[in-house]
């Protein structure tokens, strides 16, 4: 996922403990803390995408993990790649600067195990190997360029706790900067220790993201005609996945979106004076609510989008491209409900590393 809108430290438990009496993402009621920070090993997950560089640093807790540091910066590493096939030096400089900050945070937090991934921009650019070597030389970090299936799996692992336990599954979508991933998830599978694993029934990756789409069609002045052209382009790319997974069970599943597009839509719907992850992550939006926000965004001028506290100057030229991708998904899968996830690849990496290390089994045995 590389379309995240928001930045800053969010030192909280994951999965977040719900308010008293409120149903958690697992369907159970939790009125007490689910195990504290045990002072165990420190993990880090870094996601370098087409649009963003993001880091989470966390320690295991009884049934999840606690975020102790975080970083996110819009770097637009994929700027111009769709036209030139190469990452430009200016964008590389922005990425290197952000990666230095991530390196220092990991050092300061005593990270013992980390996974550092790069996604679509490094899959697409013909100077990706040169870029990785430069990062190793200048920053001391070794980036792993992951494939599309791995990206989809990590997003599913990070977001599975938000699948409604009463539903028969969800269509998860991750709108990125250079590509977008979709996963057909089955119902939540119970697990004795740690977060639930994803039940992946099918997945797809399409070569359309907010940066690539906005560069092709324009993102500053977006007419209705331009918007519909973007929707049509994405619908064509979605057709194989739609054929395989659409047209049935739509009344028993829901959409689950992870990206800056859906978190922005949620923030605008909630009329937040500033972005608040605690109110956005896990919130539900109806079909009519999403439509209303998208129509409002289409009616806004570029200057109005810049002035909106949940959009801002860094995303004002990208948000309608994201809405067009979302619209194509909604037309393919007309579900009544959409759940918003401000989580994804980084959480998925952390869960996989901790599960591989058996940290939750160890916690259970010690308790």
Foldseek 3Di string as FASTA:
>chain_A
DAFAQDWDWDFAWVVHQDDQPDQFLQRDGDHDDQFDQPPDAKEKEWEAEQFKTKMWIWGDGQAAITTDGMGMDTLNQVVCCVPVLARDPSSLVSVLVRLLVVLVVCVVVVHDYYAAEYEDSLVRHPCNVVSQVVSCVRRVDHYHYDDPVVQQQLQQLWCLSLWRQQFQWEWEWEAHQFKIKIFTWGHFDDDPGYGTHTRTPDMDMFRDHLNVLCVVQNQQQAAPVSLVVLLVVLLVRCVVVLVVPHDPSLARYYYEYERLLQQLLQCVLVVDQARDQVVQASDKDFPVSSVVSLVVLNPDHLVVQCPRRSAHDSRSRRNSSVVSNVVSVCVSRVHGMYTYHHIGNRSSVVRVVCVVVVVNVVSVVVD
